[in-house]
Amino acid sequence: MVDGKFGPATTRALQAWVGVSQDGSLSTSDIKALQTKVGAVPDGKIGAETTRKLRAAMGHGNNGVWDFRTSYSTVKALQQFLNG
């Protein structure tokens, strides 16, 4: 589904993409796995670098968002990417 909301289904799809257990709840270790996958420093905290590198991995430019989970357009792009 592409609704721009970062909920359990999007979390499970993201967890599958980064290769961790798909429980629908984003943990620090899940975030570190995401950061490693996109080439960000794996500190377990979502910030500007993680968001920028995730957007780059999806083929999108930096939009100045600090936390990709709070950005409708970034979540929507992520959902489309994960569905593809």
PDB file of N, CA and C in Angstrom:
ATOM      1  N   MET A   1       0.843  -1.176   0.000  1.00  0.00           N
ATOM      2  CA  MET A   1       0.000   0.000   0.000  1.00  0.00           C
ATOM      3  C   MET A   1       0.892   1.244   0.000  1.00  0.00           C
ATOM      4  N   VAL A   2       0.461   2.249  -0.714  1.00  0.00           N
ATOM      5  CA  VAL A   2       1.177   3.517  -0.765  1.00  0.00           C
ATOM      6  C   VAL A   2       0.240   4.593  -0.211  1.00  0.00           C
ATOM      7  N   ASP A   3       0.395   4.883   1.096  1.00  0.00           N
ATOM      8  CA  ASP A   3      -0.464   5.884   1.730  1.00  0.00           C
ATOM      9  C   ASP A   3       0.328   6.995   2.419  1.00  0.00           C
ATOM     10  N   GLY A   4       1.668   6.913   2.387  1.00  0.00           N
ATOM     11  CA  GLY A   4       2.490   7.953   2.996  1.00  0.00           C
ATOM     12  C   GLY A   4       2.573   7.880   4.506  1.00  0.00           C
ATOM     13  N   LYS A   5       2.050   6.806   5.101  1.00  0.00           N
ATOM     14  CA  LYS A   5       2.084   6.645   6.552  1.00  0.00           C
ATOM     15  C   LYS A   5       3.065   5.536   6.913  1.00  0.00           C
ATOM     16  N   PHE A   6       3.957   5.815   7.859  1.00  0.00           N
ATOM     17  CA  PHE A   6       4.956   4.831   8.263  1.00  0.00           C
ATOM     18  C   PHE A   6       4.369   3.985   9.385  1.00  0.00           C
ATOM     19  N   GLY A   7       3.686   2.924   8.997  1.00  0.00           N
ATOM     20  CA  GLY A   7       3.053   2.037   9.955  1.00  0.00           C
ATOM     21  C   GLY A   7       3.698   0.663   9.956  1.00  0.00           C
ATOM     22  N   PRO A   8       3.048  -0.311  10.601  1.00  0.00           N
ATOM     23  CA  PRO A   8       3.615  -1.662  10.713  1.00  0.00           C
ATOM     24  C   PRO A   8       3.876  -2.353   9.374  1.00  0.00           C
ATOM     25  N   ALA A   9       3.011  -2.164   8.383  1.00  0.00           N
ATOM     26  CA  ALA A   9       3.223  -2.827   7.087  1.00  0.00           C
ATOM     27  C   ALA A   9       4.467  -2.271   6.393  1.00  0.00           C
ATOM     28  N   THR A  10       4.641  -0.959   6.437  1.00  0.00           N
ATOM     29  CA  THR A  10       5.833  -0.343   5.845  1.00  0.00           C
ATOM     30  C   THR A  10       7.068  -0.777   6.619  1.00  0.00           C
ATOM     31  N   THR A  11       6.945  -0.837   7.939  1.00  0.00           N
ATOM     32  CA  THR A  11       8.062  -1.275   8.764  1.00  0.00           C
ATOM     33  C   THR A  11       8.465  -2.700   8.407  1.00  0.00           C
ATOM     34  N   ARG A  12       7.493  -3.601   8.261  1.00  0.00           N
ATOM     35  CA  ARG A  12       7.803  -4.991   7.898  1.00  0.00           C
ATOM     36  C   ARG A  12       8.485  -5.062   6.531  1.00  0.00           C
ATOM     37  N   ALA A  13       8.011  -4.282   5.569  1.00  0.00           N
ATOM     38  CA  ALA A  13       8.626  -4.282   4.237  1.00  0.00           C
ATOM     39  C   ALA A  13      10.054  -3.747   4.302  1.00  0.00           C
ATOM     40  N   LEU A  14      10.271  -2.713   5.089  1.00  0.00           N
ATOM     41  CA  LEU A  14      11.617  -2.169   5.261  1.00  0.00           C
ATOM     42  C   LEU A  14      12.522  -3.194   5.955  1.00  0.00           C
ATOM     43  N   GLN A  15      11.987  -3.864   6.963  1.00  0.00           N
ATOM     44  CA  GLN A  15      12.754  -4.903   7.652  1.00  0.00           C
ATOM     45  C   GLN A  15      13.141  -6.028   6.694  1.00  0.00           C
ATOM     46  N   ALA A  16      12.239  -6.410   5.816  1.00  0.00           N
ATOM     47  CA  ALA A  16      12.549  -7.446   4.823  1.00  0.00           C
ATOM     48  C   ALA A  16      13.662  -6.972   3.899  1.00  0.00           C
ATOM     49  N   TRP A  17      13.603  -5.718   3.482  1.00  0.00           N
ATOM     50  CA  TRP A  17      14.594  -5.157   2.559  1.00  0.00           C
ATOM     51  C   TRP A  17      15.990  -5.139   3.183  1.00  0.00           C
ATOM     52  N   VAL A  18      16.062  -4.851   4.481  1.00  0.00           N
ATOM     53  CA  VAL A  18      17.378  -4.791   5.130  1.00  0.00           C
ATOM     54  C   VAL A  18      17.811  -6.140   5.696  1.00  0.00           C
ATOM     55  N   GLY A  19      16.912  -7.137   5.667  1.00  0.00           N
ATOM     56  CA  GLY A  19      17.280  -8.492   6.046  1.00  0.00           C
ATOM     57  C   GLY A  19      17.222  -8.802   7.529  1.00  0.00           C
ATOM     58  N   VAL A  20      16.247  -8.201   8.221  1.00  0.00           N
ATOM     59  CA  VAL A  20      16.072  -8.501   9.649  1.00  0.00           C
ATOM     60  C   VAL A  20      14.687  -9.102   9.873  1.00  0.00           C
ATOM     61  N   SER A  21      14.449  -9.551  11.092  1.00  0.00           N
ATOM     62  CA  SER A  21      13.154 -10.123  11.455  1.00  0.00           C
ATOM     63  C   SER A  21      12.036  -9.119  11.208  1.00  0.00           C
ATOM     64  N   GLN A  22      10.944  -9.594  10.622  1.00  0.00           N
ATOM     65  CA  GLN A  22       9.841  -8.715  10.215  1.00  0.00           C
ATOM     66  C   GLN A  22       8.720  -8.738  11.248  1.00  0.00           C
ATOM     67  N   ASP A  23       8.882  -7.928  12.309  1.00  0.00           N
ATOM     68  CA  ASP A  23       7.874  -7.888  13.356  1.00  0.00           C
ATOM     69  C   ASP A  23       7.015  -6.629  13.328  1.00  0.00           C
ATOM     70  N   GLY A  24       7.304  -5.701  12.425  1.00  0.00           N
ATOM     71  CA  GLY A  24       6.501  -4.487  12.290  1.00  0.00           C
ATOM     72  C   GLY A  24       6.822  -3.403  13.298  1.00  0.00           C
ATOM     73  N   SER A  25       7.861  -3.612  14.094  1.00  0.00           N
ATOM     74  CA  SER A  25       8.281  -2.629  15.092  1.00  0.00           C
ATOM     75  C   SER A  25       9.747  -2.303  14.853  1.00  0.00           C
ATOM     76  N   LEU A  26      10.049  -1.052  14.566  1.00  0.00           N
ATOM     77  CA  LEU A  26      11.405  -0.650  14.191  1.00  0.00           C
ATOM     78  C   LEU A  26      12.282  -0.499  15.433  1.00  0.00           C
ATOM     79  N   SER A  27      13.271  -1.382  15.574  1.00  0.00           N
ATOM     80  CA  SER A  27      14.173  -1.370  16.729  1.00  0.00           C
ATOM     81  C   SER A  27      15.487  -0.684  16.362  1.00  0.00           C
ATOM     82  N   THR A  28      16.303  -0.453  17.371  1.00  0.00           N
ATOM     83  CA  THR A  28      17.619   0.137  17.146  1.00  0.00           C
ATOM     84  C   THR A  28      18.459  -0.752  16.235  1.00  0.00           C
ATOM     85  N   SER A  29      18.391  -2.064  16.428  1.00  0.00           N
ATOM     86  CA  SER A  29      19.175  -2.955  15.569  1.00  0.00           C
ATOM     87  C   SER A  29      18.660  -2.938  14.127  1.00  0.00           C
ATOM     88  N   ASP A  30      17.348  -2.759  13.945  1.00  0.00           N
ATOM     89  CA  ASP A  30      16.788  -2.625  12.591  1.00  0.00           C
ATOM     90  C   ASP A  30      17.317  -1.354  11.929  1.00  0.00           C
ATOM     91  N   ILE A  31      17.355  -0.273  12.690  1.00  0.00           N
ATOM     92  CA  ILE A  31      17.851   1.001  12.165  1.00  0.00           C
ATOM     93  C   ILE A  31      19.321   0.872  11.788  1.00  0.00           C
ATOM     94  N   LYS A  32      20.106   0.185  12.623  1.00  0.00           N
ATOM     95  CA  LYS A  32      21.522  -0.032  12.299  1.00  0.00           C
ATOM     96  C   LYS A  32      21.675  -0.854  11.024  1.00  0.00           C
ATOM     97  N   ALA A  33      20.817  -1.854  10.831  1.00  0.00           N
ATOM     98  CA  ALA A  33      20.856  -2.664   9.605  1.00  0.00           C
ATOM     99  C   ALA A  33      20.523  -1.798   8.400  1.00  0.00           C
ATOM    100  N   LEU A  34      19.529  -0.922   8.535  1.00  0.00           N
ATOM    101  CA  LEU A  34      19.174   0.011   7.460  1.00  0.00           C
ATOM    102  C   LEU A  34      20.350   0.926   7.164  1.00  0.00           C
ATOM    103  N   GLN A  35      20.950   1.475   8.207  1.00  0.00           N
ATOM    104  CA  GLN A  35      22.069   2.394   8.012  1.00  0.00           C
ATOM    105  C   GLN A  35      23.237   1.711   7.314  1.00  0.00           C
ATOM    106  N   THR A  36      23.520   0.489   7.690  1.00  0.00           N
ATOM    107  CA  THR A  36      24.593  -0.261   7.039  1.00  0.00           C
ATOM    108  C   THR A  36      24.261  -0.478   5.565  1.00  0.00           C
ATOM    109  N   LYS A  37      23.007  -0.814   5.282  1.00  0.00           N
ATOM    110  CA  LYS A  37      22.588  -1.079   3.894  1.00  0.00           C
ATOM    111  C   LYS A  37      22.738   0.159   3.011  1.00  0.00           C
ATOM    112  N   VAL A  38      22.409   1.345   3.557  1.00  0.00           N
ATOM    113  CA  VAL A  38      22.441   2.560   2.733  1.00  0.00           C
ATOM    114  C   VAL A  38      23.754   3.327   2.851  1.00  0.00           C
ATOM    115  N   GLY A  39      24.691   2.838   3.675  1.00  0.00           N
ATOM    116  CA  GLY A  39      26.000   3.477   3.776  1.00  0.00           C
ATOM    117  C   GLY A  39      26.074   4.619   4.770  1.00  0.00           C
ATOM    118  N   ALA A  40      25.156   4.649   5.729  1.00  0.00           N
ATOM    119  CA  ALA A  40      25.200   5.663   6.781  1.00  0.00           C
ATOM    120  C   ALA A  40      25.937   5.094   7.994  1.00  0.00           C
ATOM    121  N   VAL A  41      26.379   5.967   8.869  1.00  0.00           N
ATOM    122  CA  VAL A  41      27.017   5.530  10.110  1.00  0.00           C
ATOM    123  C   VAL A  41      25.971   4.772  10.931  1.00  0.00           C
ATOM    124  N   PRO A  42      26.247   3.501  11.293  1.00  0.00           N
ATOM    125  CA  PRO A  42      25.261   2.694  12.012  1.00  0.00           C
ATOM    126  C   PRO A  42      25.211   3.014  13.510  1.00  0.00           C
ATOM    127  N   ASP A  43      24.570   4.151  13.843  1.00  0.00           N
ATOM    128  CA  ASP A  43      24.482   4.570  15.234  1.00  0.00           C
ATOM    129  C   ASP A  43      23.128   4.248  15.869  1.00  0.00           C
ATOM    130  N   GLY A  44      22.208   3.713  15.064  1.00  0.00           N
ATOM    131  CA  GLY A  44      20.898   3.339  15.592  1.00  0.00           C
ATOM    132  C   GLY A  44      19.927   4.483  15.755  1.00  0.00           C
ATOM    133  N   LYS A  45      20.311   5.667  15.284  1.00  0.00           N
ATOM    134  CA  LYS A  45      19.443   6.843  15.396  1.00  0.00           C
ATOM    135  C   LYS A  45      19.121   7.365  14.007  1.00  0.00           C
ATOM    136  N   ILE A  46      17.851   7.587  13.752  1.00  0.00           N
ATOM    137  CA  ILE A  46      17.456   8.133  12.460  1.00  0.00           C
ATOM    138  C   ILE A  46      17.623   9.639  12.495  1.00  0.00           C
ATOM    139  N   GLY A  47      18.408  10.129  11.553  1.00  0.00           N
ATOM    140  CA  GLY A  47      18.650  11.561  11.448  1.00  0.00           C
ATOM    141  C   GLY A  47      18.810  11.953   9.996  1.00  0.00           C
ATOM    142  N   ALA A  48      19.392  13.105   9.789  1.00  0.00           N
ATOM    143  CA  ALA A  48      19.527  13.659   8.441  1.00  0.00           C
ATOM    144  C   ALA A  48      20.365  12.755   7.532  1.00  0.00           C
ATOM    145  N   GLU A  49      21.477  12.192   8.053  1.00  0.00           N
ATOM    146  CA  GLU A  49      22.332  11.359   7.215  1.00  0.00           C
ATOM    147  C   GLU A  49      21.602  10.091   6.776  1.00  0.00           C
ATOM    148  N   THR A  50      20.939   9.424   7.716  1.00  0.00           N
ATOM    149  CA  THR A  50      20.210   8.197   7.378  1.00  0.00           C
ATOM    150  C   THR A  50      19.123   8.495   6.362  1.00  0.00           C
ATOM    151  N   THR A  51      18.376   9.574   6.583  1.00  0.00           N
ATOM    152  CA  THR A  51      17.298   9.945   5.673  1.00  0.00           C
ATOM    153  C   THR A  51      17.853  10.287   4.295  1.00  0.00           C
ATOM    154  N   ARG A  52      18.930  11.066   4.249  1.00  0.00           N
ATOM    155  CA  ARG A  52      19.536  11.460   2.966  1.00  0.00           C
ATOM    156  C   ARG A  52      20.038  10.234   2.199  1.00  0.00           C
ATOM    157  N   LYS A  53      20.704   9.318   2.910  1.00  0.00           N
ATOM    158  CA  LYS A  53      21.267   8.147   2.230  1.00  0.00           C
ATOM    159  C   LYS A  53      20.177   7.149   1.828  1.00  0.00           C
ATOM    160  N   LEU A  54      19.123   7.046   2.612  1.00  0.00           N
ATOM    161  CA  LEU A  54      17.992   6.208   2.211  1.00  0.00           C
ATOM    162  C   LEU A  54      17.356   6.774   0.950  1.00  0.00           C
ATOM    163  N   ARG A  55      17.136   8.094   0.921  1.00  0.00           N
ATOM    164  CA  ARG A  55      16.555   8.720  -0.272  1.00  0.00           C
ATOM    165  C   ARG A  55      17.456   8.494  -1.486  1.00  0.00           C
ATOM    166  N   ALA A  56      18.768   8.588  -1.304  1.00  0.00           N
ATOM    167  CA  ALA A  56      19.700   8.359  -2.415  1.00  0.00           C
ATOM    168  C   ALA A  56      19.611   6.913  -2.890  1.00  0.00           C
ATOM    169  N   ALA A  57      19.484   5.966  -1.954  1.00  0.00           N
ATOM    170  CA  ALA A  57      19.375   4.547  -2.325  1.00  0.00           C
ATOM    171  C   ALA A  57      18.114   4.281  -3.144  1.00  0.00           C
ATOM    172  N   MET A  58      17.089   5.109  -2.924  1.00  0.00           N
ATOM    173  CA  MET A  58      15.836   4.970  -3.681  1.00  0.00           C
ATOM    174  C   MET A  58      15.854   5.783  -4.970  1.00  0.00           C
ATOM    175  N   GLY A  59      16.952   6.531  -5.200  1.00  0.00           N
ATOM    176  CA  GLY A  59      17.046   7.341  -6.408  1.00  0.00           C
ATOM    177  C   GLY A  59      16.437   8.715  -6.269  1.00  0.00           C
ATOM    178  N   HIS A  60      16.342   9.215  -5.032  1.00  0.00           N
ATOM    179  CA  HIS A  60      15.778  10.540  -4.779  1.00  0.00           C
ATOM    180  C   HIS A  60      16.841  11.447  -4.178  1.00  0.00           C
ATOM    181  N   GLY A  61      16.687  12.744  -4.392  1.00  0.00           N
ATOM    182  CA  GLY A  61      17.615  13.711  -3.827  1.00  0.00           C
ATOM    183  C   GLY A  61      17.258  14.061  -2.391  1.00  0.00           C
ATOM    184  N   ASN A  62      18.156  14.795  -1.753  1.00  0.00           N
ATOM    185  CA  ASN A  62      17.956  15.238  -0.377  1.00  0.00           C
ATOM    186  C   ASN A  62      16.834  16.274  -0.348  1.00  0.00           C
ATOM    187  N   ASN A  63      15.894  16.102   0.579  1.00  0.00           N
ATOM    188  CA  ASN A  63      14.812  17.084   0.700  1.00  0.00           C
ATOM    189  C   ASN A  63      14.838  17.808   2.044  1.00  0.00           C
ATOM    190  N   GLY A  64      15.946  17.645   2.792  1.00  0.00           N
ATOM    191  CA  GLY A  64      16.104  18.349   4.047  1.00  0.00           C
ATOM    192  C   GLY A  64      15.374  17.749   5.235  1.00  0.00           C
ATOM    193  N   VAL A  65      14.761  16.592   5.047  1.00  0.00           N
ATOM    194  CA  VAL A  65      14.028  15.948   6.132  1.00  0.00           C
ATOM    195  C   VAL A  65      15.009  15.259   7.071  1.00  0.00           C
ATOM    196  N   TRP A  66      14.796  15.393   8.383  1.00  0.00           N
ATOM    197  CA  TRP A  66      15.670  14.778   9.374  1.00  0.00           C
ATOM    198  C   TRP A  66      15.278  13.343   9.677  1.00  0.00           C
ATOM    199  N   ASP A  67      13.988  13.048   9.705  1.00  0.00           N
ATOM    200  CA  ASP A  67      13.509  11.702  10.042  1.00  0.00           C
ATOM    201  C   ASP A  67      12.551  11.253   8.953  1.00  0.00           C
ATOM    202  N   PHE A  68      12.990  10.281   8.134  1.00  0.00           N
ATOM    203  CA  PHE A  68      12.195   9.870   6.976  1.00  0.00           C
ATOM    204  C   PHE A  68      10.801   9.392   7.362  1.00  0.00           C
ATOM    205  N   ARG A  69      10.614   8.896   8.578  1.00  0.00           N
ATOM    206  CA  ARG A  69       9.308   8.377   9.000  1.00  0.00           C
ATOM    207  C   ARG A  69       8.252   9.467   9.124  1.00  0.00           C
ATOM    208  N   THR A  70       8.687  10.728   9.269  1.00  0.00           N
ATOM    209  CA  THR A  70       7.744  11.831   9.483  1.00  0.00           C
ATOM    210  C   THR A  70       7.432  12.605   8.200  1.00  0.00           C
ATOM    211  N   SER A  71       8.030  12.220   7.102  1.00  0.00           N
ATOM    212  CA  SER A  71       7.850  12.943   5.839  1.00  0.00           C
ATOM    213  C   SER A  71       6.931  12.158   4.906  1.00  0.00           C
ATOM    214  N   TYR A  72       5.747  12.699   4.657  1.00  0.00           N
ATOM    215  CA  TYR A  72       4.768  12.033   3.792  1.00  0.00           C
ATOM    216  C   TYR A  72       5.387  11.658   2.453  1.00  0.00           C
ATOM    217  N   SER A  73       6.077  12.592   1.816  1.00  0.00           N
ATOM    218  CA  SER A  73       6.619  12.323   0.478  1.00  0.00           C
ATOM    219  C   SER A  73       7.723  11.265   0.526  1.00  0.00           C
ATOM    220  N   THR A  74       8.542  11.282   1.574  1.00  0.00           N
ATOM    221  CA  THR A  74       9.599  10.287   1.681  1.00  0.00           C
ATOM    222  C   THR A  74       9.024   8.910   1.987  1.00  0.00           C
ATOM    223  N   VAL A  75       8.040   8.842   2.888  1.00  0.00           N
ATOM    224  CA  VAL A  75       7.401   7.556   3.194  1.00  0.00           C
ATOM    225  C   VAL A  75       6.708   7.004   1.958  1.00  0.00           C
ATOM    226  N   LYS A  76       6.035   7.863   1.222  1.00  0.00           N
ATOM    227  CA  LYS A  76       5.353   7.440  -0.002  1.00  0.00           C
ATOM    228  C   LYS A  76       6.368   6.890  -1.008  1.00  0.00           C
ATOM    229  N   ALA A  77       7.502   7.596  -1.180  1.00  0.00           N
ATOM    230  CA  ALA A  77       8.554   7.121  -2.085  1.00  0.00           C
ATOM    231  C   ALA A  77       9.121   5.792  -1.595  1.00  0.00           C
ATOM    232  N   LEU A  78       9.286   5.660  -0.281  1.00  0.00           N
ATOM    233  CA  LEU A  78       9.799   4.422   0.298  1.00  0.00           C
ATOM    234  C   LEU A  78       8.815   3.275   0.033  1.00  0.00           C
ATOM    235  N   GLN A  79       7.553   3.532   0.225  1.00  0.00           N
ATOM    236  CA  GLN A  79       6.537   2.495  -0.019  1.00  0.00           C
ATOM    237  C   GLN A  79       6.544   2.066  -1.479  1.00  0.00           C
ATOM    238  N   GLN A  80       6.629   3.022  -2.387  1.00  0.00           N
ATOM    239  CA  GLN A  80       6.682   2.694  -3.812  1.00  0.00           C
ATOM    240  C   GLN A  80       7.942   1.889  -4.117  1.00  0.00           C
ATOM    241  N   PHE A  81       9.063   2.276  -3.539  1.00  0.00           N
ATOM    242  CA  PHE A  81      10.328   1.575  -3.736  1.00  0.00           C
ATOM    243  C   PHE A  81      10.236   0.145  -3.212  1.00  0.00           C
ATOM    244  N   LEU A  82       9.724  -0.021  -2.018  1.00  0.00           N
ATOM    245  CA  LEU A  82       9.633  -1.350  -1.427  1.00  0.00           C
ATOM    246  C   LEU A  82       8.623  -2.240  -2.131  1.00  0.00           C
ATOM    247  N   ASN A  83       7.594  -1.641  -2.718  1.00  0.00           N
ATOM    248  CA  ASN A  83       6.596  -2.400  -3.474  1.00  0.00           C
ATOM    249  C   ASN A  83       7.117  -2.825  -4.836  1.00  0.00           C
ATOM    250  N   GLY A  84       8.113  -2.081  -5.342  1.00  0.00           N
ATOM    251  CA  GLY A  84       8.631  -2.338  -6.670  1.00  0.00           C
ATOM    252  C   GLY A  84       9.472  -3.532  -6.724  1.00  0.00           C
TER     253      GLY A  84
END
